[in-house]
Protein backbone atom coordinates (compact mmCIF):
# COMPACT_ATOMS: atom_id res chain seq x y z
CA MET A 1 12.73 22.47 -159.78
CA ILE A 2 10.68 20.22 -157.55
CA ARG A 3 12.42 18.34 -154.76
CA MET A 4 10.55 15.71 -152.84
CA MET A 5 12.20 13.68 -150.10
CA THR A 6 10.68 10.60 -148.60
CA GLN A 7 10.52 10.29 -144.84
CA HIS A 8 12.04 7.74 -142.49
CA ALA A 9 9.38 5.18 -141.60
CA ASN A 10 11.50 3.24 -139.12
CA PRO A 11 15.23 4.06 -139.10
CA ARG A 12 16.03 1.23 -136.72
CA HIS A 13 14.96 -1.32 -139.32
CA SER A 14 16.72 0.29 -142.23
CA ARG A 15 20.14 0.26 -143.80
CA SER A 16 22.21 3.03 -145.31
CA HIS A 17 21.05 3.76 -148.82
CA PRO A 18 23.08 6.27 -150.85
CA ALA A 19 20.98 6.10 -154.00
CA VAL A 20 19.44 9.29 -155.36
CA ILE A 21 17.11 8.92 -158.32
CA PHE A 22 16.89 11.70 -160.86
CA LEU A 23 13.91 11.85 -163.22
CA ALA A 24 14.09 14.69 -165.73
CA PHE A 25 11.08 15.72 -167.78
CA ALA A 26 11.57 17.81 -170.92
CA PHE A 27 8.58 19.65 -172.30
CA GLY A 28 9.42 19.88 -176.02
CA VAL A 29 11.68 22.82 -176.83
CA GLY A 30 12.67 24.86 -173.80
CA PRO A 31 13.80 24.35 -170.21
CA CYS A 32 13.49 21.05 -168.43
CA GLY A 33 11.67 20.39 -165.22
CA LEU A 34 13.66 18.26 -162.81
CA LEU A 35 12.24 15.94 -160.20
CA LEU A 36 14.50 14.47 -157.54
CA VAL A 37 13.35 11.56 -155.45
CA GLU A 38 15.58 10.37 -152.63
CA PRO A 39 14.54 6.91 -151.39
CA ALA A 40 14.33 6.83 -147.63
CA LEU A 41 16.17 4.47 -145.35
CA ALA A 42 13.06 2.38 -144.88
CA LEU A 43 10.70 -0.06 -146.58
CA VAL A 44 7.71 1.73 -148.14
CA THR A 45 7.50 5.48 -147.65
CA THR A 46 5.40 8.30 -149.05
CA THR A 47 5.56 12.06 -149.26
CA GLY A 48 2.86 14.54 -150.21
CA ASN A 49 -0.31 13.67 -152.06
CA VAL A 50 -0.73 9.86 -152.12
CA GLN A 51 -4.21 8.25 -152.08
CA PRO A 52 -5.00 5.98 -150.29
CA ALA A 53 -2.45 7.33 -147.86
CA ASP A 54 -0.92 4.03 -146.67
CA PRO A 55 0.37 1.83 -149.54
CA LYS A 56 0.69 -1.11 -147.14
CA THR A 57 -3.10 -1.30 -147.07
CA TRP A 58 -3.45 -1.43 -150.84
CA THR A 59 -4.68 -4.60 -152.55
CA ASN A 60 -5.13 -5.78 -156.11
CA VAL A 61 -8.45 -3.90 -156.31
CA THR A 62 -7.05 -0.56 -155.09
CA THR A 63 -6.98 2.39 -157.48
CA ALA A 64 -3.99 4.41 -156.33
CA TYR A 65 -3.04 8.01 -157.01
CA ILE A 66 0.47 9.37 -156.54
CA GLY A 67 0.28 13.11 -157.15
CA LYS A 68 -3.47 13.47 -157.75
CA THR A 69 -4.14 17.13 -156.96
CA ALA A 70 -0.66 18.06 -155.69
CA ASP A 71 2.85 16.61 -155.79
CA GLY A 72 3.31 13.16 -154.29
CA ALA A 73 5.98 10.44 -154.12
CA LEU A 74 6.22 6.77 -153.20
CA ALA A 75 9.45 4.84 -152.53
CA ILE A 76 9.57 1.02 -152.34
CA THR A 77 12.85 -0.31 -150.93
CA GLU A 78 14.35 -3.04 -148.75
CA ARG A 79 12.81 -5.95 -150.70
CA ASP A 80 9.31 -4.81 -149.74
CA LYS A 81 6.25 -5.14 -152.00
CA VAL A 82 3.33 -2.89 -152.88
CA THR A 83 0.20 -4.24 -154.57
CA SER A 84 -2.42 -2.24 -156.45
CA SER A 85 -4.88 -2.37 -159.32
CA THR A 86 -4.78 0.73 -161.51
CA ALA A 87 -2.28 3.40 -160.44
CA ARG A 88 -2.13 6.97 -161.71
CA LEU A 89 0.95 9.19 -161.34
CA GLY A 90 0.54 12.94 -161.88
CA TRP A 91 -3.25 13.06 -162.29
CA ASP A 92 -4.12 16.76 -162.47
CA PRO A 93 -2.29 19.24 -164.72
CA GLY A 94 0.35 20.85 -162.52
CA ALA A 95 0.65 17.82 -160.24
CA THR A 96 3.71 15.56 -160.23
CA GLY A 97 3.71 11.92 -159.12
CA ALA A 98 6.89 9.90 -158.70
CA VAL A 99 7.49 6.28 -157.73
CA SER A 100 10.87 4.63 -157.13
CA VAL A 101 11.36 0.87 -156.78
CA ASP A 102 14.91 0.22 -155.68
CA GLY A 103 16.88 -2.83 -154.63
CA ALA A 104 16.77 -6.54 -155.32
CA GLY A 105 13.42 -7.99 -154.24
CA SER A 106 11.64 -4.62 -154.05
CA THR A 107 8.46 -4.97 -156.11
CA TRP A 108 5.41 -3.07 -157.32
CA ASP A 109 2.74 -5.51 -158.52
CA SER A 110 -0.24 -3.95 -160.30
CA ASP A 111 -3.08 -6.07 -161.66
CA GLY A 112 -4.32 -3.15 -163.75
CA ASN A 113 -2.66 -0.37 -165.70
CA LEU A 114 0.09 2.01 -164.65
CA TRP A 115 -0.42 5.55 -165.93
CA ILE A 116 2.80 7.56 -165.68
CA GLY A 117 1.78 11.16 -166.33
CA CYS A 118 -1.98 11.51 -166.80
CA GLY A 119 -2.72 15.23 -166.98
CA GLY A 120 0.44 16.27 -165.15
CA ARG A 121 3.95 14.86 -164.80
CA GLY A 122 4.80 11.31 -163.80
CA GLY A 123 7.99 9.40 -163.15
CA LEU A 124 8.75 5.74 -162.43
CA SER A 125 12.29 4.65 -161.55
CA ILE A 126 13.20 0.95 -161.26
CA THR A 127 16.79 0.50 -160.14
CA GLY A 128 19.19 -1.75 -158.29
CA GLY A 129 17.39 -4.99 -159.16
CA GLY A 130 13.89 -3.75 -158.32
CA GLY A 131 10.84 -4.80 -160.31
CA ALA A 132 7.43 -3.61 -161.43
CA ILE A 133 4.71 -5.65 -163.13
CA CYS A 134 1.42 -4.44 -164.60
CA PHE A 135 -1.24 -5.32 -167.15
CA GLY A 136 -0.42 -2.31 -169.30
CA GLY A 137 1.87 0.71 -169.04
CA PHE A 138 0.95 4.14 -170.37
CA ILE A 139 3.41 7.03 -170.36
CA ALA A 140 2.09 10.62 -170.88
CA ARG A 141 -1.63 10.07 -171.40
CA ASP A 142 -2.89 13.59 -172.18
CA ALA A 143 -1.44 16.33 -174.36
CA SER A 144 -0.63 18.25 -171.16
CA ALA A 145 1.23 15.31 -169.67
CA ALA A 146 4.92 14.39 -169.49
CA GLY A 147 6.20 11.07 -168.23
CA GLU A 148 9.47 9.22 -167.87
CA VAL A 149 10.29 5.67 -166.87
CA VAL A 150 13.87 4.66 -166.03
CA VAL A 151 14.82 0.97 -165.79
CA ASP A 152 18.48 0.80 -164.81
CA GLY A 153 20.82 -1.87 -163.55
CA PRO A 154 21.18 -5.65 -163.68
CA GLY A 155 18.04 -7.38 -162.44
CA SER A 156 15.88 -4.26 -162.76
CA VAL A 157 12.74 -5.32 -164.66
CA TRP A 158 9.50 -3.75 -165.85
CA THR A 159 7.03 -6.41 -167.01
CA ASN A 160 4.03 -5.29 -169.08
CA LYS A 161 1.76 -8.31 -169.44
CA GLU A 162 -0.15 -6.96 -172.44
CA ILE A 163 0.66 -3.50 -173.76
CA LEU A 164 3.00 -0.54 -173.35
CA SER A 165 2.46 2.92 -174.83
CA VAL A 166 5.31 5.44 -174.66
CA GLY A 167 3.90 8.90 -175.38
CA CYS A 168 0.14 8.44 -175.71
CA ASN A 169 -0.65 12.09 -176.42
CA GLY A 170 2.04 13.87 -174.39
CA HIS A 171 5.83 13.74 -174.10
CA GLY A 172 6.98 10.29 -172.96
CA THR A 173 10.38 8.68 -172.54
CA LEU A 174 11.44 5.17 -171.56
CA SER A 175 15.14 4.71 -170.72
CA ILE A 176 16.61 1.21 -170.40
CA THR A 177 20.25 1.14 -169.28
CA HIS A 178 22.99 -0.87 -167.54
CA GLY A 179 21.35 -4.26 -168.03
CA GLY A 180 17.78 -3.20 -167.19
CA LEU A 181 14.97 -5.14 -168.90
CA VAL A 182 11.52 -4.15 -170.18
CA SER A 183 9.13 -6.74 -171.63
CA VAL A 184 5.80 -6.48 -173.46
CA GLY A 185 3.67 -9.60 -173.52
CA THR A 186 1.59 -9.38 -176.73
CA THR A 187 2.59 -9.13 -180.37
CA ASN A 188 2.52 -5.47 -181.51
CA GLY A 189 1.84 -4.53 -177.89
CA LEU A 190 4.44 -1.73 -177.88
CA THR A 191 3.45 1.67 -179.25
CA ILE A 192 5.83 4.64 -179.36
CA ASP A 193 4.63 8.21 -179.94
CA SER A 194 1.11 7.25 -180.97
CA GLY A 195 0.33 10.87 -181.84
CA SER A 196 3.35 11.06 -184.19
CA GLN A 197 4.44 14.32 -182.59
CA GLY A 198 8.12 13.38 -182.59
CA ASP A 199 8.55 13.96 -178.86
CA SER A 200 8.48 10.44 -177.41
CA PHE A 201 11.25 7.86 -177.45
CA VAL A 202 12.66 4.62 -176.10
CA ASN A 203 16.33 5.26 -175.25
CA MET A 204 18.60 2.24 -174.80
CA SER A 205 22.29 1.91 -173.95
CA THR A 206 24.90 0.09 -171.85
CA GLY A 207 23.29 -3.32 -172.12
CA GLY A 208 19.65 -2.21 -171.87
CA MET A 209 17.22 -4.92 -172.99
CA LEU A 210 13.78 -4.79 -174.62
CA ALA A 211 11.83 -8.05 -175.04
CA LEU A 212 8.79 -8.16 -177.35
CA GLU A 213 6.51 -11.13 -177.85
CA GLY A 214 7.06 -12.72 -181.27
CA ASP A 215 9.77 -14.30 -183.43
CA ALA A 216 11.60 -11.43 -185.11
CA ASP A 217 15.33 -11.94 -184.69
CA GLU A 218 16.13 -12.25 -188.41
CA SER A 219 16.56 -8.48 -188.81
CA LEU A 220 16.06 -5.13 -187.12
CA ASP A 221 13.26 -4.39 -189.58
CA ALA A 222 11.49 -7.54 -188.41
CA PHE A 223 11.86 -6.49 -184.78
CA LEU A 224 10.58 -2.99 -185.50
CA GLY A 225 7.64 -4.64 -187.24
CA LEU A 226 6.51 -5.61 -183.73
CA VAL A 227 6.33 -1.93 -182.78
CA SER A 228 3.44 0.40 -183.58
CA GLY A 229 3.69 4.17 -183.90
CA THR A 230 6.96 5.81 -184.93
CA ASP A 231 9.48 3.02 -184.15
CA ALA A 232 11.46 5.69 -182.26
CA ILE A 233 13.98 3.44 -180.50
CA ARG A 234 17.30 5.23 -180.03
CA TYR A 235 20.81 4.14 -179.06
CA TRP A 236 23.69 6.18 -177.69
CA ASN A 237 25.98 6.99 -180.62
CA ALA A 238 29.41 7.72 -179.15
CA ALA A 239 30.63 9.14 -182.46
CA ILE A 240 28.25 12.09 -182.14
CA SER A 241 27.79 11.96 -178.35
CA ASP A 242 24.05 11.92 -178.74
CA TRP A 243 21.04 9.68 -179.15
CA ALA A 244 20.42 8.37 -182.67
CA ASN A 245 17.73 6.22 -184.23
CA ILE A 246 18.61 2.55 -183.97
CA THR A 247 18.04 2.04 -187.70
CA GLY A 248 21.48 3.58 -188.18
CA ALA A 249 23.18 1.20 -185.74
CA ALA A 250 25.28 -1.84 -186.67
CA ARG A 251 24.10 -5.28 -185.62
CA GLY A 252 26.70 -7.15 -183.62
CA THR A 253 28.48 -3.92 -182.72
CA ASP A 254 25.80 -1.59 -181.41
CA TYR A 255 23.05 -4.12 -180.72
CA THR A 256 22.11 -7.80 -180.79
CA LEU A 257 18.85 -9.63 -181.50
CA SER A 258 17.98 -13.09 -180.23
CA TYR A 259 14.83 -15.20 -180.14
CA LEU A 260 14.33 -16.89 -176.78
CA SER A 261 12.96 -20.42 -176.67
CA ASN A 262 13.41 -21.11 -172.96
CA GLY A 263 12.78 -19.42 -169.63
CA ASP A 264 10.28 -16.78 -168.57
CA LEU A 265 10.66 -14.97 -171.89
CA ALA A 266 10.24 -17.98 -174.14
CA GLY A 267 8.58 -16.81 -177.35
CA TYR A 268 10.03 -13.29 -177.12
CA THR A 269 12.64 -11.56 -179.27
CA LEU A 270 15.24 -9.74 -177.18
CA LEU A 271 16.94 -6.53 -178.33
CA THR A 272 20.08 -5.68 -176.37
CA VAL A 273 21.71 -2.33 -177.08
CA GLY A 274 25.34 -1.68 -176.21
CA THR A 275 27.23 -3.38 -173.43
CA ASN A 276 27.17 -2.71 -169.72
CA ALA A 277 30.22 -0.52 -169.35
CA SER A 278 29.75 -0.43 -165.58
CA SER A 279 30.91 -3.95 -164.99
CA THR A 280 34.29 -3.50 -163.28
CA PRO A 281 34.23 -6.07 -160.47
CA GLY A 282 33.98 -4.25 -157.16
CA ASP A 283 32.76 -0.95 -158.68
CA ALA A 284 29.39 -0.75 -156.92
CA ASN A 285 28.61 2.84 -157.94
CA ARG A 286 29.95 2.42 -161.50
CA ASP A 287 32.29 5.41 -161.44
CA GLY A 288 35.29 3.54 -162.87
CA ARG A 289 37.05 3.28 -159.51
CA VAL A 290 37.02 0.63 -156.80
CA ASP A 291 37.48 2.59 -153.61
CA ALA A 292 36.13 3.42 -150.17
CA THR A 293 32.74 4.46 -151.57
CA ASP A 294 32.26 0.96 -152.96
CA ALA A 295 33.46 -0.57 -149.69
CA ALA A 296 30.86 1.53 -147.86
CA ALA A 297 28.10 0.25 -150.15
CA LEU A 298 29.20 -3.31 -149.48
CA ALA A 299 29.37 -2.67 -145.73
CA ALA A 300 25.85 -1.23 -145.70
CA SER A 301 24.47 -4.51 -147.11
CA TRP A 302 26.84 -6.90 -145.34
CA LEU A 303 25.36 -10.42 -144.99
CA GLN A 304 22.12 -9.30 -146.65
CA GLN A 305 20.55 -10.03 -150.01
CA GLY A 306 21.30 -7.43 -152.63
CA GLY A 307 22.33 -6.55 -156.16
CA TRP A 308 25.40 -5.05 -157.81
CA ASP A 309 24.82 -1.60 -156.29
CA ASP A 310 24.76 -3.20 -152.84
CA GLY A 311 28.08 -5.02 -153.32
CA ASP A 312 26.94 -8.39 -154.71
CA PHE A 313 29.72 -8.64 -157.30
CA ASN A 314 29.46 -12.39 -157.96
CA ALA A 315 25.67 -12.24 -158.59
CA ASP A 316 24.79 -14.94 -156.06
CA GLY A 317 22.20 -12.69 -154.42
CA TRP A 318 24.16 -12.14 -151.19
CA VAL A 319 26.75 -9.65 -149.99
CA ASN A 320 29.46 -11.50 -148.08
CA ASP A 321 33.17 -12.32 -147.86
CA LEU A 322 33.25 -13.55 -151.47
CA ASP A 323 32.26 -10.08 -152.64
CA LEU A 324 34.78 -8.50 -150.28
CA ALA A 325 37.52 -10.60 -151.88
CA ILE A 326 36.41 -9.41 -155.35
CA LEU A 327 36.51 -5.80 -154.20
CA ALA A 328 39.99 -6.20 -152.72
CA ALA A 329 41.33 -7.93 -155.84
CA ASN A 330 40.17 -5.03 -158.01
CA TRP A 331 41.02 -2.18 -155.64
CA LYS A 332 41.89 0.86 -157.80
CA PRO A 333 40.96 4.12 -156.08
CA ASN A 334 42.52 6.25 -158.84
CA GLY A 335 40.85 4.39 -161.69
CA SER A 336 44.13 2.78 -162.77
CA PRO A 337 44.22 -0.87 -163.85
CA PRO A 338 44.21 -3.18 -160.84
CA ALA A 339 47.52 -4.72 -159.95
CA VAL A 340 48.13 -8.04 -158.29
CA PRO A 341 46.79 -7.46 -154.77
CA GLU A 342 49.46 -6.88 -152.17
CA PRO A 343 49.24 -9.12 -149.11
CA GLY A 344 47.93 -6.29 -146.97
CA THR A 345 45.22 -5.07 -149.38
CA LEU A 346 42.52 -7.47 -148.27
CA ALA A 347 43.22 -6.73 -144.62
CA MET A 348 43.14 -2.98 -145.32
CA VAL A 349 39.78 -3.19 -147.06
CA ALA A 350 38.43 -5.50 -144.36
CA THR A 351 39.45 -2.93 -141.75
CA ALA A 352 37.72 -0.19 -143.74
CA LEU A 353 34.65 -2.40 -144.04
CA ALA A 354 34.57 -3.02 -140.31
CA PHE A 355 34.93 0.69 -139.63
CA VAL A 356 32.07 1.65 -141.98
CA ALA A 357 29.87 -1.13 -140.59
CA ALA A 358 30.55 0.08 -137.04
CA MET A 359 29.61 3.63 -138.03
CA ILE A 360 26.35 2.41 -139.55
CA ALA A 361 25.58 0.38 -136.43
CA ARG A 362 26.32 3.39 -134.23
CA ARG A 363 23.96 5.58 -136.29
CA ARG A 364 21.22 2.99 -136.01
CA GLY A 365 21.68 2.79 -132.26
CA GLN A 366 21.33 6.56 -131.98
CA ALA A 367 18.20 6.68 -134.16
């Protein structure tokens, strides 16, 4: 097990951030290696082997390494932005590189290619409305490599302008969940398991979305015709409690297909798998309850821009009294169906919110 924790760059300018990102890498048959990245309470932070050392100095001509000769990690939070050209995660065999992009407005913009697992292990996590954009994405370049990309949550987006290869020669996985979106900007630009080793997949569930350039919404076969390699797209089959190939799924029940003629994805066909089960209004951490933990998440982002995980339950981009009212109206700490709010519920939650906010302010003042 490898545990890498990012450092506090400037606690006075940060907010409480409870998110912990887990990226698991399985190496064929056998035990799994587990990489934990805990985003710091700051903007852009690094740990370990990152070259050049300060991501804030990177430009669109910078070749960046996260985990070149030893383990390294980069966290982009608080609506900050990192720019690079080519970036390589987990360069040497035995080295692990991990990048997390978390929170609405947090962005990694790469003019070149992103290599997630070159000779070693690589992980990219895009959560909470964060975004990454690159010319091409490559997961698990060499036979010795393992790579995983997780795109999770409404507003979380990975844009590949030209191509995306999941499992070039090593073990690669792309997971798209809870309303996350991945797009590939050229026809037949997506390749899965190019070596046909049977160890690389695209896993989709709970409203995960995959957009491929081209008009192919007439059938699943037509959509898979836009994919090169093994067509190994899987959905979560609740009947067997396991991943299953999407060719066995039912259209309209397990997935939908639609051709988009307007917006940023005009000319793309969109595959949406499952529905976002974590959509209970007020349930910021998606545990099926609306309780003090959710109130704390809302308090930590009070009067700031944010996404669902931050307490923006009406999707207007801000965490404010409207979201507090939604939380109060759906208050169900035991997971039971919400009842009609009692007159004192809103006041009770507001008091809890004020208490949590005061605690956060006190911690900041002591930092």
